[in-house]
């Protein structure tokens, strides 16, 4: 597992493998997993299923003293925080590897540029699942 991430970060995979396997499928996995943990945390903030515009991360940061005093209440948010941290770390490794293999790509320059743009846009769209 760590060897794969190390090779990804070093840009040792081809642009095609980095973009399709690690970029799109990896981002899809982490977005779904983070969204699932985000939904659980959001239910704790807005318990009656009504529309809630609160940010889970900002709620936790703003209410740490209160959450620490309630027995076990902070543990509701731990899965979301862990998944968000894993997703952020994976995204950093992915961007680094994608940039390296894009720069080494020998072919049309449109492919590496479009791969970089698509992955950055997907990362920005995935922020909704984290925050």
N, C-alpha and C. Protein backbone atom coordinates (compact mmCIF):
# COMPACT_ATOMS: atom_id res chain seq x y z
N UNK A 1 0.83 -1.20 0.00
CA UNK A 1 0.00 0.00 0.00
C UNK A 1 0.87 1.26 0.00
N UNK A 2 1.84 1.31 0.94
CA UNK A 2 2.70 2.49 1.02
C UNK A 2 3.60 2.60 -0.20
N UNK A 3 4.00 1.43 -0.74
CA UNK A 3 4.85 1.43 -1.93
C UNK A 3 4.09 2.03 -3.12
N UNK A 4 2.81 1.70 -3.23
CA UNK A 4 1.99 2.23 -4.31
C UNK A 4 1.86 3.75 -4.19
N UNK A 5 1.61 4.22 -2.98
CA UNK A 5 1.49 5.67 -2.77
C UNK A 5 2.83 6.38 -3.00
N UNK A 6 3.92 5.71 -2.62
CA UNK A 6 5.24 6.30 -2.83
C UNK A 6 5.53 6.42 -4.33
N UNK A 7 5.19 5.36 -5.09
CA UNK A 7 5.39 5.41 -6.54
C UNK A 7 4.46 6.44 -7.19
N UNK A 8 3.23 6.56 -6.66
CA UNK A 8 2.29 7.55 -7.19
C UNK A 8 2.83 8.96 -6.98
N UNK A 9 3.30 9.24 -5.78
CA UNK A 9 3.82 10.56 -5.47
C UNK A 9 5.09 10.90 -6.24
N UNK A 10 5.85 9.88 -6.60
CA UNK A 10 7.08 10.10 -7.36
C UNK A 10 6.82 10.23 -8.86
N UNK A 11 5.58 9.98 -9.28
CA UNK A 11 5.24 10.09 -10.69
C UNK A 11 5.74 8.94 -11.53
N UNK A 12 5.88 7.75 -10.92
CA UNK A 12 6.43 6.59 -11.61
C UNK A 12 5.41 5.85 -12.46
N UNK A 13 4.15 6.14 -12.29
CA UNK A 13 3.12 5.51 -13.13
C UNK A 13 2.91 6.36 -14.38
N UNK A 14 2.32 5.74 -15.40
CA UNK A 14 2.05 6.48 -16.63
C UNK A 14 0.94 7.50 -16.38
N UNK A 15 0.82 8.45 -17.26
CA UNK A 15 -0.23 9.47 -17.14
C UNK A 15 -1.61 8.82 -17.18
N UNK A 16 -1.76 7.81 -18.03
CA UNK A 16 -3.05 7.13 -18.16
C UNK A 16 -3.45 6.44 -16.86
N UNK A 17 -2.53 5.71 -16.24
CA UNK A 17 -2.81 5.02 -14.98
C UNK A 17 -3.04 6.02 -13.86
N UNK A 18 -2.21 7.05 -13.80
CA UNK A 18 -2.35 8.05 -12.74
C UNK A 18 -3.68 8.77 -12.84
N UNK A 19 -4.08 9.15 -14.04
CA UNK A 19 -5.32 9.90 -14.20
C UNK A 19 -6.54 9.02 -13.98
N UNK A 20 -6.63 7.89 -14.68
CA UNK A 20 -7.85 7.08 -14.63
C UNK A 20 -7.97 6.28 -13.34
N UNK A 21 -6.92 5.59 -12.96
CA UNK A 21 -7.01 4.72 -11.78
C UNK A 21 -6.93 5.51 -10.49
N UNK A 22 -5.84 6.24 -10.33
CA UNK A 22 -5.64 6.96 -9.07
C UNK A 22 -6.43 8.27 -9.03
N UNK A 23 -6.53 8.94 -10.16
CA UNK A 23 -7.24 10.22 -10.19
C UNK A 23 -8.73 10.05 -10.09
N UNK A 24 -9.34 9.51 -11.12
CA UNK A 24 -10.80 9.44 -11.14
C UNK A 24 -11.36 8.39 -10.18
N UNK A 25 -10.86 7.16 -10.24
CA UNK A 25 -11.41 6.12 -9.36
C UNK A 25 -11.04 6.36 -7.90
N UNK A 26 -9.80 6.79 -7.65
CA UNK A 26 -9.39 7.10 -6.27
C UNK A 26 -10.17 8.26 -5.68
N UNK A 27 -10.35 9.30 -6.47
CA UNK A 27 -11.14 10.45 -6.01
C UNK A 27 -12.60 10.06 -5.78
N UNK A 28 -13.14 9.21 -6.64
CA UNK A 28 -14.52 8.75 -6.47
C UNK A 28 -14.67 7.99 -5.16
N UNK A 29 -13.73 7.08 -4.88
CA UNK A 29 -13.78 6.33 -3.62
C UNK A 29 -13.73 7.26 -2.41
N UNK A 30 -12.76 8.15 -2.38
CA UNK A 30 -12.62 9.03 -1.22
C UNK A 30 -13.78 10.02 -1.11
N UNK A 31 -14.32 10.47 -2.22
CA UNK A 31 -15.46 11.37 -2.16
C UNK A 31 -16.68 10.67 -1.57
N UNK A 32 -16.94 9.45 -1.99
CA UNK A 32 -18.09 8.69 -1.46
C UNK A 32 -17.88 8.39 0.02
N UNK A 33 -16.69 7.91 0.38
CA UNK A 33 -16.42 7.57 1.78
C UNK A 33 -16.50 8.80 2.68
N UNK A 34 -15.95 9.91 2.23
CA UNK A 34 -16.00 11.14 3.03
C UNK A 34 -17.42 11.68 3.13
N UNK A 35 -18.17 11.56 2.04
CA UNK A 35 -19.55 12.02 2.07
C UNK A 35 -20.39 11.19 3.05
N UNK A 36 -20.13 9.89 3.10
CA UNK A 36 -20.87 9.04 4.04
C UNK A 36 -20.58 9.43 5.49
N UNK A 37 -19.31 9.69 5.81
CA UNK A 37 -18.99 10.10 7.18
C UNK A 37 -19.47 11.52 7.45
N UNK A 38 -19.48 12.36 6.42
CA UNK A 38 -19.99 13.73 6.56
C UNK A 38 -21.48 13.71 6.87
N UNK A 39 -22.22 12.80 6.23
CA UNK A 39 -23.66 12.70 6.48
C UNK A 39 -23.94 12.32 7.92
N UNK A 40 -23.16 11.39 8.46
CA UNK A 40 -23.34 10.99 9.85
C UNK A 40 -23.05 12.13 10.81
N UNK A 41 -22.00 12.89 10.53
CA UNK A 41 -21.67 14.03 11.38
C UNK A 41 -22.72 15.13 11.26
N UNK A 42 -23.24 15.31 10.05
CA UNK A 42 -24.25 16.35 9.84
C UNK A 42 -25.55 16.00 10.56
N UNK A 43 -25.87 14.70 10.63
CA UNK A 43 -27.07 14.29 11.37
C UNK A 43 -26.94 14.61 12.85
N UNK A 44 -25.71 14.59 13.37
CA UNK A 44 -25.51 14.94 14.77
C UNK A 44 -25.71 16.43 15.01
N UNK A 45 -25.40 17.24 14.00
CA UNK A 45 -25.55 18.69 14.14
C UNK A 45 -27.01 19.10 13.91
N UNK A 46 -27.65 18.54 12.90
CA UNK A 46 -29.05 18.85 12.55
C UNK A 46 -29.85 17.55 12.67
N UNK A 47 -30.29 17.20 13.87
CA UNK A 47 -30.85 15.87 14.11
C UNK A 47 -32.21 15.59 13.49
N UNK A 48 -32.97 16.57 13.14
CA UNK A 48 -34.35 16.32 12.70
C UNK A 48 -34.49 16.23 11.19
N UNK A 49 -33.39 16.08 10.47
CA UNK A 49 -33.45 15.88 9.03
C UNK A 49 -33.80 17.12 8.23
N UNK A 50 -33.80 18.25 8.87
CA UNK A 50 -34.09 19.47 8.13
C UNK A 50 -32.84 19.91 7.37
N UNK A 51 -33.01 20.79 6.44
CA UNK A 51 -31.90 21.31 5.67
C UNK A 51 -30.96 22.07 6.59
N UNK A 52 -29.70 21.72 6.51
CA UNK A 52 -28.72 22.31 7.42
C UNK A 52 -27.57 22.89 6.61
N UNK A 53 -27.29 24.14 6.82
CA UNK A 53 -26.23 24.80 6.07
C UNK A 53 -24.94 24.91 6.87
N UNK A 54 -24.87 24.25 8.00
CA UNK A 54 -23.68 24.34 8.84
C UNK A 54 -22.53 23.53 8.25
N UNK A 55 -21.34 23.97 8.50
CA UNK A 55 -20.14 23.24 8.13
C UNK A 55 -19.73 22.37 9.31
N UNK A 56 -19.51 21.09 9.05
CA UNK A 56 -19.14 20.17 10.12
C UNK A 56 -17.81 20.57 10.74
N UNK A 57 -16.82 20.87 9.92
CA UNK A 57 -15.50 21.23 10.43
C UNK A 57 -15.56 22.52 11.25
N UNK A 58 -16.27 23.53 10.74
CA UNK A 58 -16.38 24.79 11.48
C UNK A 58 -17.18 24.60 12.77
N UNK A 59 -18.18 23.72 12.74
CA UNK A 59 -18.95 23.43 13.95
C UNK A 59 -18.06 22.80 15.02
N UNK A 60 -17.23 21.86 14.61
CA UNK A 60 -16.34 21.19 15.56
C UNK A 60 -15.35 22.19 16.14
N UNK A 61 -14.73 23.00 15.26
CA UNK A 61 -13.75 23.97 15.73
C UNK A 61 -14.37 25.01 16.66
N UNK A 62 -15.59 25.41 16.40
CA UNK A 62 -16.25 26.41 17.22
C UNK A 62 -16.79 25.89 18.53
N UNK A 63 -16.96 24.56 18.64
CA UNK A 63 -17.59 23.99 19.83
C UNK A 63 -16.73 22.95 20.53
N UNK A 64 -15.43 23.01 20.37
CA UNK A 64 -14.55 22.01 20.98
C UNK A 64 -14.72 21.94 22.50
N UNK A 65 -14.74 23.07 23.22
CA UNK A 65 -14.90 22.95 24.68
C UNK A 65 -16.23 22.29 25.07
N UNK A 66 -17.29 22.61 24.38
CA UNK A 66 -18.59 22.01 24.69
C UNK A 66 -18.60 20.53 24.33
N UNK A 67 -18.05 20.19 23.18
CA UNK A 67 -18.02 18.79 22.75
C UNK A 67 -17.15 17.93 23.66
N UNK A 68 -16.10 18.51 24.21
CA UNK A 68 -15.21 17.75 25.09
C UNK A 68 -15.87 17.46 26.43
N UNK A 69 -16.81 18.28 26.87
CA UNK A 69 -17.43 18.06 28.16
C UNK A 69 -18.54 17.01 28.09
N UNK A 70 -19.19 16.90 26.96
CA UNK A 70 -20.23 15.88 26.83
C UNK A 70 -19.57 14.52 26.65
N UNK A 71 -20.03 13.57 27.38
CA UNK A 71 -19.42 12.25 27.36
C UNK A 71 -19.63 11.56 26.01
N UNK A 72 -18.55 11.33 25.27
CA UNK A 72 -18.60 10.59 24.03
C UNK A 72 -19.16 11.32 22.83
N UNK A 73 -19.56 12.58 22.97
CA UNK A 73 -20.18 13.29 21.87
C UNK A 73 -19.18 13.63 20.77
N UNK A 74 -17.93 13.88 21.15
CA UNK A 74 -16.91 14.21 20.16
C UNK A 74 -16.60 13.01 19.26
N UNK A 75 -16.82 11.79 19.77
CA UNK A 75 -16.52 10.58 19.00
C UNK A 75 -17.40 10.43 17.77
N UNK A 76 -18.52 11.13 17.71
CA UNK A 76 -19.39 11.09 16.53
C UNK A 76 -18.66 11.68 15.32
N UNK A 77 -17.80 12.64 15.56
CA UNK A 77 -17.12 13.35 14.48
C UNK A 77 -15.77 12.75 14.08
N UNK A 78 -15.25 11.81 14.87
CA UNK A 78 -13.93 11.25 14.60
C UNK A 78 -13.86 10.55 13.24
N UNK A 79 -14.83 9.71 12.84
CA UNK A 79 -14.72 9.09 11.51
C UNK A 79 -14.64 10.11 10.38
N UNK A 80 -15.40 11.18 10.48
CA UNK A 80 -15.36 12.20 9.43
C UNK A 80 -14.01 12.91 9.41
N UNK A 81 -13.49 13.24 10.57
CA UNK A 81 -12.20 13.92 10.62
C UNK A 81 -11.08 13.03 10.09
N UNK A 82 -11.11 11.74 10.43
CA UNK A 82 -10.09 10.81 9.92
C UNK A 82 -10.19 10.64 8.41
N UNK A 83 -11.41 10.49 7.89
CA UNK A 83 -11.58 10.31 6.45
C UNK A 83 -11.20 11.59 5.70
N UNK A 84 -11.53 12.73 6.26
CA UNK A 84 -11.15 14.00 5.62
C UNK A 84 -9.63 14.16 5.60
N UNK A 85 -8.95 13.76 6.66
CA UNK A 85 -7.49 13.84 6.70
C UNK A 85 -6.87 12.87 5.69
N UNK A 86 -7.41 11.65 5.59
CA UNK A 86 -6.90 10.68 4.60
C UNK A 86 -7.12 11.20 3.18
N UNK A 87 -8.28 11.77 2.93
CA UNK A 87 -8.60 12.30 1.60
C UNK A 87 -7.66 13.45 1.25
N UNK A 88 -7.41 14.34 2.19
CA UNK A 88 -6.52 15.47 1.93
C UNK A 88 -5.09 14.98 1.64
N UNK A 89 -4.63 14.02 2.41
CA UNK A 89 -3.30 13.45 2.18
C UNK A 89 -3.20 12.76 0.83
N UNK A 90 -4.23 11.99 0.48
CA UNK A 90 -4.25 11.30 -0.82
C UNK A 90 -4.25 12.31 -1.96
N UNK A 91 -5.01 13.37 -1.81
CA UNK A 91 -5.10 14.38 -2.86
C UNK A 91 -3.75 15.07 -3.08
N UNK A 92 -3.03 15.33 -2.01
CA UNK A 92 -1.71 15.96 -2.13
C UNK A 92 -0.75 15.03 -2.88
N UNK A 93 -0.75 13.74 -2.51
CA UNK A 93 0.11 12.76 -3.20
C UNK A 93 -0.30 12.63 -4.66
N UNK A 94 -1.61 12.61 -4.92
CA UNK A 94 -2.11 12.49 -6.29
C UNK A 94 -1.68 13.69 -7.14
N UNK A 95 -1.84 14.88 -6.64
CA UNK A 95 -1.46 16.09 -7.39
C UNK A 95 0.04 16.08 -7.68
N UNK A 96 0.82 15.72 -6.69
CA UNK A 96 2.28 15.68 -6.88
C UNK A 96 2.65 14.67 -7.96
N UNK A 97 2.08 13.47 -7.90
CA UNK A 97 2.38 12.44 -8.88
C UNK A 97 1.87 12.79 -10.26
N UNK A 98 0.68 13.37 -10.32
CA UNK A 98 0.10 13.75 -11.61
C UNK A 98 0.96 14.82 -12.29
N UNK A 99 1.45 15.77 -11.50
CA UNK A 99 2.29 16.83 -12.07
C UNK A 99 3.59 16.25 -12.62
N UNK A 100 4.20 15.33 -11.87
CA UNK A 100 5.47 14.75 -12.31
C UNK A 100 5.29 13.91 -13.57
N UNK A 101 4.26 13.05 -13.60
CA UNK A 101 4.10 12.20 -14.79
C UNK A 101 3.57 13.02 -15.97
N UNK A 102 2.86 14.10 -15.72
CA UNK A 102 2.42 14.98 -16.81
C UNK A 102 3.60 15.71 -17.45
N UNK A 103 4.52 16.14 -16.61
CA UNK A 103 5.69 16.83 -17.13
C UNK A 103 6.59 15.89 -17.94
N UNK A 104 6.59 14.61 -17.58
CA UNK A 104 7.42 13.63 -18.29
C UNK A 104 6.72 13.02 -19.50
N UNK A 105 5.44 13.35 -19.70
CA UNK A 105 4.67 12.77 -20.80
C UNK A 105 5.21 13.23 -22.15
N UNK A 106 5.44 12.27 -23.03
CA UNK A 106 5.94 12.58 -24.37
C UNK A 106 4.83 12.35 -25.38
N UNK A 107 4.16 13.36 -25.71
CA UNK A 107 3.05 13.29 -26.65
C UNK A 107 2.38 14.64 -26.71
N UNK A 108 1.13 14.62 -27.06
CA UNK A 108 0.37 15.86 -27.15
C UNK A 108 0.34 16.56 -25.79
N UNK A 109 0.63 17.83 -25.77
CA UNK A 109 0.64 18.58 -24.51
C UNK A 109 -0.78 18.88 -24.01
N UNK A 110 -1.78 18.63 -24.83
CA UNK A 110 -3.15 18.86 -24.40
C UNK A 110 -3.59 17.85 -23.34
N UNK A 111 -3.10 16.61 -23.43
CA UNK A 111 -3.49 15.58 -22.46
C UNK A 111 -3.01 15.88 -21.05
N UNK A 112 -1.73 16.20 -20.84
CA UNK A 112 -1.30 16.50 -19.47
C UNK A 112 -1.98 17.74 -18.88
N UNK A 113 -2.16 18.74 -19.70
CA UNK A 113 -2.80 19.97 -19.21
C UNK A 113 -4.25 19.70 -18.83
N UNK A 114 -4.97 18.98 -19.68
CA UNK A 114 -6.37 18.68 -19.37
C UNK A 114 -6.49 17.76 -18.16
N UNK A 115 -5.55 16.82 -18.00
CA UNK A 115 -5.58 15.94 -16.82
C UNK A 115 -5.39 16.76 -15.54
N UNK A 116 -4.47 17.70 -15.56
CA UNK A 116 -4.25 18.56 -14.39
C UNK A 116 -5.50 19.38 -14.07
N UNK A 117 -6.12 19.94 -15.08
CA UNK A 117 -7.31 20.78 -14.87
C UNK A 117 -8.46 19.95 -14.31
N UNK A 118 -8.69 18.76 -14.87
CA UNK A 118 -9.80 17.92 -14.42
C UNK A 118 -9.60 17.48 -12.97
N UNK A 119 -8.41 17.06 -12.60
CA UNK A 119 -8.17 16.60 -11.23
C UNK A 119 -8.29 17.75 -10.24
N UNK A 120 -7.80 18.92 -10.59
CA UNK A 120 -7.94 20.07 -9.68
C UNK A 120 -9.42 20.43 -9.52
N UNK A 121 -10.18 20.43 -10.62
CA UNK A 121 -11.62 20.73 -10.53
C UNK A 121 -12.35 19.69 -9.68
N UNK A 122 -12.01 18.42 -9.86
CA UNK A 122 -12.63 17.37 -9.04
C UNK A 122 -12.28 17.55 -7.57
N UNK A 123 -11.05 17.93 -7.29
CA UNK A 123 -10.65 18.18 -5.91
C UNK A 123 -11.42 19.32 -5.29
N UNK A 124 -11.61 20.38 -6.04
CA UNK A 124 -12.38 21.52 -5.53
C UNK A 124 -13.85 21.15 -5.32
N UNK A 125 -14.41 20.36 -6.23
CA UNK A 125 -15.79 19.91 -6.05
C UNK A 125 -15.93 18.97 -4.87
N UNK A 126 -14.89 18.19 -4.60
CA UNK A 126 -14.93 17.24 -3.48
C UNK A 126 -14.80 17.92 -2.13
N UNK A 127 -14.40 19.18 -2.10
CA UNK A 127 -14.30 19.90 -0.84
C UNK A 127 -15.64 19.94 -0.10
N UNK A 128 -16.73 19.90 -0.84
CA UNK A 128 -18.05 19.92 -0.20
C UNK A 128 -18.22 18.72 0.72
N UNK A 129 -17.67 17.58 0.32
CA UNK A 129 -17.77 16.38 1.17
C UNK A 129 -16.89 16.48 2.40
N UNK A 130 -15.82 17.26 2.33
CA UNK A 130 -14.94 17.38 3.47
C UNK A 130 -15.45 18.42 4.46
N UNK A 131 -15.85 19.56 3.95
CA UNK A 131 -16.24 20.67 4.81
C UNK A 131 -17.69 20.50 5.17
